[in-house]
Amino acid sequence: MKKRIMVVGPTQSGKSTLANVLNDSTRPLKKTQDVIYGKNTIDTPGSYLENASMYKYLIATAQAASHVLMLVDQSKPREVYPPAFAKTFTCPVIGIITKIDLAPENSKLCVQQLKKIGIDEPYFWISLNDNTGVEALEQYLFGKQETSEINEFLI
């Protein structure tokens, strides 16, 4: 069974958009009602995180994941994760701060949230408007290199 990257976060935090980018897909964006298995990702509904009785589904779904990405939306840094939630997962948990082009005054609050959730650095700061930070995340997850970097190794 292929291990995928599970994407978790509150409603409207950029989960499906990030999943599309990581899957190199253009799946239409709409409210995710169920878990969606993509080429490289497991896209989870925000409601699973926002309703404590659904945590068990996130934990069970993560058994098929290589990594869990926990998103914090810099434009609306609501505290939806319980303290130390990252410690309930057996695979690596990575902190992602989305919408970094919006509300930069919330950046410290986002880092505090990730620490409270139990996620250690490195954190990835991304904007899916212009894909800022996505390449660094893909490099971390998949070991992808830019063609120009690969060509340097071939010379």
C-alpha atoms as a PDB file:
ATOM      1  CA  MET A   1       0.000   0.000   0.000  1.00  0.00           C
ATOM      2  CA  LYS A   2       1.331   3.433  -0.970  1.00  0.00           C
ATOM      3  CA  LYS A   3       1.892   5.853   1.880  1.00  0.00           C
ATOM      4  CA  ARG A   4       0.421   9.288   1.269  1.00  0.00           C
ATOM      5  CA  ILE A   5       0.746  12.656   2.989  1.00  0.00           C
ATOM      6  CA  MET A   6      -2.284  13.465   5.134  1.00  0.00           C
ATOM      7  CA  VAL A   7      -3.388  17.111   5.145  1.00  0.00           C
ATOM      8  CA  VAL A   8      -5.223  18.318   8.275  1.00  0.00           C
ATOM      9  CA  GLY A   9      -6.481  21.780   9.145  1.00  0.00           C
ATOM     10  CA  PRO A  10      -9.497  23.937   9.852  1.00  0.00           C
ATOM     11  CA  THR A  11     -12.098  24.748   7.209  1.00  0.00           C
ATOM     12  CA  GLN A  12     -10.826  27.175   4.548  1.00  0.00           C
ATOM     13  CA  SER A  13      -7.155  26.865   5.612  1.00  0.00           C
ATOM     14  CA  GLY A  14      -5.951  25.692   2.185  1.00  0.00           C
ATOM     15  CA  LYS A  15      -5.973  21.890   2.600  1.00  0.00           C
ATOM     16  CA  SER A  16      -7.503  21.000  -0.769  1.00  0.00           C
ATOM     17  CA  THR A  17      -5.473  23.639  -2.609  1.00  0.00           C
ATOM     18  CA  LEU A  18      -2.271  22.286  -1.051  1.00  0.00           C
ATOM     19  CA  ALA A  19      -3.351  18.707  -1.847  1.00  0.00           C
ATOM     20  CA  ASN A  20      -3.882  19.735  -5.489  1.00  0.00           C
ATOM     21  CA  VAL A  21      -0.391  21.240  -5.639  1.00  0.00           C
ATOM     22  CA  LEU A  22       1.230  18.164  -4.048  1.00  0.00           C
ATOM     23  CA  ASN A  23      -0.718  15.870  -6.398  1.00  0.00           C
ATOM     24  CA  ASP A  24       0.047  18.044  -9.442  1.00  0.00           C
ATOM     25  CA  SER A  25      -3.730  18.095  -9.943  1.00  0.00           C
ATOM     26  CA  THR A  26      -6.426  20.600 -10.828  1.00  0.00           C
ATOM     27  CA  ARG A  27      -9.291  18.916  -8.997  1.00  0.00           C
ATOM     28  CA  PRO A  28     -12.102  21.473  -8.594  1.00  0.00           C
ATOM     29  CA  LEU A  29     -12.106  23.096  -5.173  1.00  0.00           C
ATOM     30  CA  LYS A  30     -15.223  22.707  -3.081  1.00  0.00           C
ATOM     31  CA  LYS A  31     -15.947  21.933   0.546  1.00  0.00           C
ATOM     32  CA  THR A  32     -14.424  18.537   1.276  1.00  0.00           C
ATOM     33  CA  GLN A  33     -17.135  16.323   2.751  1.00  0.00           C
ATOM     34  CA  ASP A  34     -15.184  13.050   2.970  1.00  0.00           C
ATOM     35  CA  VAL A  35     -11.582  11.917   3.010  1.00  0.00           C
ATOM     36  CA  ILE A  36     -10.163  12.171  -0.523  1.00  0.00           C
ATOM     37  CA  TYR A  37      -7.226   9.978  -1.533  1.00  0.00           C
ATOM     38  CA  GLY A  38      -5.102  11.689  -4.180  1.00  0.00           C
ATOM     39  CA  LYS A  39      -1.971  10.540  -5.981  1.00  0.00           C
ATOM     40  CA  ASN A  40       0.263  11.704  -3.096  1.00  0.00           C
ATOM     41  CA  THR A  41      -2.127  13.001  -0.439  1.00  0.00           C
ATOM     42  CA  ILE A  42      -5.028  12.270   1.862  1.00  0.00           C
ATOM     43  CA  ASP A  43      -7.208  15.397   1.989  1.00  0.00           C
ATOM     44  CA  THR A  44      -9.324  15.478   5.163  1.00  0.00           C
ATOM     45  CA  PRO A  45     -12.438  17.546   5.863  1.00  0.00           C
ATOM     46  CA  GLY A  46     -11.972  20.517   8.195  1.00  0.00           C
ATOM     47  CA  SER A  47     -15.017  19.302  10.120  1.00  0.00           C
ATOM     48  CA  TYR A  48     -13.024  16.241  11.276  1.00  0.00           C
ATOM     49  CA  LEU A  49     -10.702  18.584  13.170  1.00  0.00           C
ATOM     50  CA  GLU A  50     -13.388  21.008  14.318  1.00  0.00           C
ATOM     51  CA  ASN A  51     -15.479  18.274  15.973  1.00  0.00           C
ATOM     52  CA  ALA A  52     -13.679  16.369  18.768  1.00  0.00           C
ATOM     53  CA  SER A  53     -15.817  13.270  18.220  1.00  0.00           C
ATOM     54  CA  MET A  54     -14.217  12.970  14.757  1.00  0.00           C
ATOM     55  CA  TYR A  55     -10.592  12.894  15.983  1.00  0.00           C
ATOM     56  CA  LYS A  56     -10.665   9.097  15.959  1.00  0.00           C
ATOM     57  CA  TYR A  57     -11.196   9.182  12.168  1.00  0.00           C
ATOM     58  CA  LEU A  58      -8.182  11.434  11.670  1.00  0.00           C
ATOM     59  CA  ILE A  59      -6.053   9.166  13.851  1.00  0.00           C
ATOM     60  CA  ALA A  60      -7.238   6.023  12.030  1.00  0.00           C
ATOM     61  CA  THR A  61      -6.755   7.594   8.583  1.00  0.00           C
ATOM     62  CA  ALA A  62      -3.204   8.610   9.513  1.00  0.00           C
ATOM     63  CA  GLN A  63      -2.257   4.923   9.733  1.00  0.00           C
ATOM     64  CA  ALA A  64      -1.994   5.032   5.916  1.00  0.00           C
ATOM     65  CA  ALA A  65       0.112   8.229   5.927  1.00  0.00           C
ATOM     66  CA  SER A  66       3.842   8.775   5.587  1.00  0.00           C
ATOM     67  CA  HIS A  67       3.494  12.280   7.102  1.00  0.00           C
ATOM     68  CA  VAL A  68       0.764  14.453   8.558  1.00  0.00           C
ATOM     69  CA  LEU A  69       0.716  18.115   7.564  1.00  0.00           C
ATOM     70  CA  MET A  70      -1.081  20.259  10.144  1.00  0.00           C
ATOM     71  CA  LEU A  71      -2.118  23.610   8.727  1.00  0.00           C
ATOM     72  CA  VAL A  72      -2.535  26.883  10.584  1.00  0.00           C
ATOM     73  CA  ASP A  73      -4.134  29.700   8.576  1.00  0.00           C
ATOM     74  CA  GLN A  74      -2.222  32.939   9.200  1.00  0.00           C
ATOM     75  CA  SER A  75      -5.204  35.015   8.026  1.00  0.00           C
ATOM     76  CA  LYS A  76      -7.486  33.384  10.652  1.00  0.00           C
ATOM     77  CA  PRO A  77      -5.350  31.645  13.306  1.00  0.00           C
ATOM     78  CA  ARG A  78      -8.227  30.066  15.238  1.00  0.00           C
ATOM     79  CA  GLU A  79      -7.176  27.547  17.875  1.00  0.00           C
ATOM     80  CA  VAL A  80      -8.874  24.376  16.697  1.00  0.00           C
ATOM     81  CA  TYR A  81      -6.229  21.791  17.607  1.00  0.00           C
ATOM     82  CA  PRO A  82      -6.154  20.370  21.114  1.00  0.00           C
ATOM     83  CA  PRO A  83      -2.848  20.730  23.021  1.00  0.00           C
ATOM     84  CA  ALA A  84      -0.230  18.119  22.040  1.00  0.00           C
ATOM     85  CA  PHE A  85      -2.514  16.729  19.286  1.00  0.00           C
ATOM     86  CA  ALA A  86       0.501  16.006  17.056  1.00  0.00           C
ATOM     87  CA  LYS A  87       1.749  13.456  19.601  1.00  0.00           C
ATOM     88  CA  THR A  88      -1.232  11.156  18.852  1.00  0.00           C
ATOM     89  CA  PHE A  89       0.183  10.325  15.407  1.00  0.00           C
ATOM     90  CA  THR A  90       2.839   7.662  14.808  1.00  0.00           C
ATOM     91  CA  CYS A  91       4.256   9.228  11.623  1.00  0.00           C
ATOM     92  CA  PRO A  92       6.113  12.561  11.387  1.00  0.00           C
ATOM     93  CA  VAL A  93       3.900  15.647  11.811  1.00  0.00           C
ATOM     94  CA  ILE A  94       4.899  18.810   9.954  1.00  0.00           C
ATOM     95  CA  GLY A  95       3.659  22.313  10.760  1.00  0.00           C
ATOM     96  CA  ILE A  96       2.471  24.385   7.816  1.00  0.00           C
ATOM     97  CA  ILE A  97       1.520  28.056   8.067  1.00  0.00           C
ATOM     98  CA  THR A  98      -0.694  28.965   5.107  1.00  0.00           C
ATOM     99  CA  LYS A  99      -1.796  32.286   3.634  1.00  0.00           C
ATOM    100  CA  ILE A 100       1.452  33.982   4.677  1.00  0.00           C
ATOM    101  CA  ASP A 101       0.667  36.839   2.284  1.00  0.00           C
ATOM    102  CA  LEU A 102      -2.242  37.781   4.585  1.00  0.00           C
ATOM    103  CA  ALA A 103      -2.161  39.166   8.144  1.00  0.00           C
ATOM    104  CA  PRO A 104       1.627  39.010   8.753  1.00  0.00           C
ATOM    105  CA  GLU A 105       0.974  40.359  12.258  1.00  0.00           C
ATOM    106  CA  ASN A 106      -0.342  36.872  13.151  1.00  0.00           C
ATOM    107  CA  SER A 107       2.892  35.021  12.327  1.00  0.00           C
ATOM    108  CA  LYS A 108       4.097  34.700  15.958  1.00  0.00           C
ATOM    109  CA  LEU A 109       0.651  33.497  17.025  1.00  0.00           C
ATOM    110  CA  CYS A 110       0.805  30.760  14.360  1.00  0.00           C
ATOM    111  CA  VAL A 111       4.187  29.560  15.611  1.00  0.00           C
ATOM    112  CA  GLN A 112       2.850  29.507  19.203  1.00  0.00           C
ATOM    113  CA  GLN A 113      -0.081  27.369  18.024  1.00  0.00           C
ATOM    114  CA  LEU A 114       2.189  24.869  16.270  1.00  0.00           C
ATOM    115  CA  LYS A 115       4.324  24.570  19.401  1.00  0.00           C
ATOM    116  CA  LYS A 116       1.206  24.094  21.564  1.00  0.00           C
ATOM    117  CA  ILE A 117      -0.007  21.365  19.183  1.00  0.00           C
ATOM    118  CA  GLY A 118       3.321  19.609  19.813  1.00  0.00           C
ATOM    119  CA  ILE A 119       5.018  20.162  16.447  1.00  0.00           C
ATOM    120  CA  ASP A 120       8.736  20.844  16.332  1.00  0.00           C
ATOM    121  CA  GLU A 121      10.454  22.980  13.694  1.00  0.00           C
ATOM    122  CA  PRO A 122      11.049  23.167  10.809  1.00  0.00           C
ATOM    123  CA  TYR A 123       7.789  24.909   9.942  1.00  0.00           C
ATOM    124  CA  PHE A 124       6.883  25.649   6.348  1.00  0.00           C
ATOM    125  CA  TRP A 125       5.522  29.080   5.482  1.00  0.00           C
ATOM    126  CA  ILE A 126       3.498  28.970   2.276  1.00  0.00           C
ATOM    127  CA  SER A 127       1.222  31.054   0.110  1.00  0.00           C
ATOM    128  CA  LEU A 128      -0.814  29.127  -2.418  1.00  0.00           C
ATOM    129  CA  ASN A 129      -1.614  32.358  -4.302  1.00  0.00           C
ATOM    130  CA  ASP A 130       1.870  32.396  -5.809  1.00  0.00           C
ATOM    131  CA  ASN A 131       3.218  29.052  -4.456  1.00  0.00           C
ATOM    132  CA  THR A 132       5.714  30.754  -2.128  1.00  0.00           C
ATOM    133  CA  GLY A 133       7.330  28.064   0.031  1.00  0.00           C
ATOM    134  CA  VAL A 134       5.805  25.128  -1.857  1.00  0.00           C
ATOM    135  CA  GLU A 135       9.082  24.110  -3.499  1.00  0.00           C
ATOM    136  CA  ALA A 136      10.820  23.886  -0.104  1.00  0.00           C
ATOM    137  CA  LEU A 137       7.955  21.731   1.229  1.00  0.00           C
ATOM    138  CA  GLU A 138       8.061  19.431  -1.814  1.00  0.00           C
ATOM    139  CA  GLN A 139      11.846  19.146  -1.473  1.00  0.00           C
ATOM    140  CA  TYR A 140      11.390  18.151   2.177  1.00  0.00           C
ATOM    141  CA  LEU A 141       8.609  15.633   1.440  1.00  0.00           C
ATOM    142  CA  PHE A 142       9.658  14.170  -1.894  1.00  0.00           C
ATOM    143  CA  GLY A 143      13.303  15.144  -2.299  1.00  0.00           C
ATOM    144  CA  LYS A 144      12.437  16.975  -5.545  1.00  0.00           C
ATOM    145  CA  GLN A 145      15.114  19.156  -7.080  1.00  0.00           C
ATOM    146  CA  GLU A 146      14.836  21.868  -9.650  1.00  0.00           C
ATOM    147  CA  THR A 147      16.052  20.851 -13.096  1.00  0.00           C
ATOM    148  CA  SER A 148      18.773  23.519 -12.877  1.00  0.00           C
ATOM    149  CA  GLU A 149      20.016  22.007  -9.603  1.00  0.00           C
ATOM    150  CA  ILE A 150      20.034  18.537 -11.112  1.00  0.00           C
ATOM    151  CA  ASN A 151      21.928  19.814 -14.171  1.00  0.00           C
ATOM    152  CA  GLU A 152      24.617  21.256 -11.877  1.00  0.00           C
ATOM    153  CA  PHE A 153      25.234  17.760 -10.542  1.00  0.00           C
ATOM    154  CA  LEU A 154      25.515  16.369 -14.064  1.00  0.00           C
ATOM    155  CA  ILE A 155      28.193  18.838 -15.252  1.00  0.00           C
END
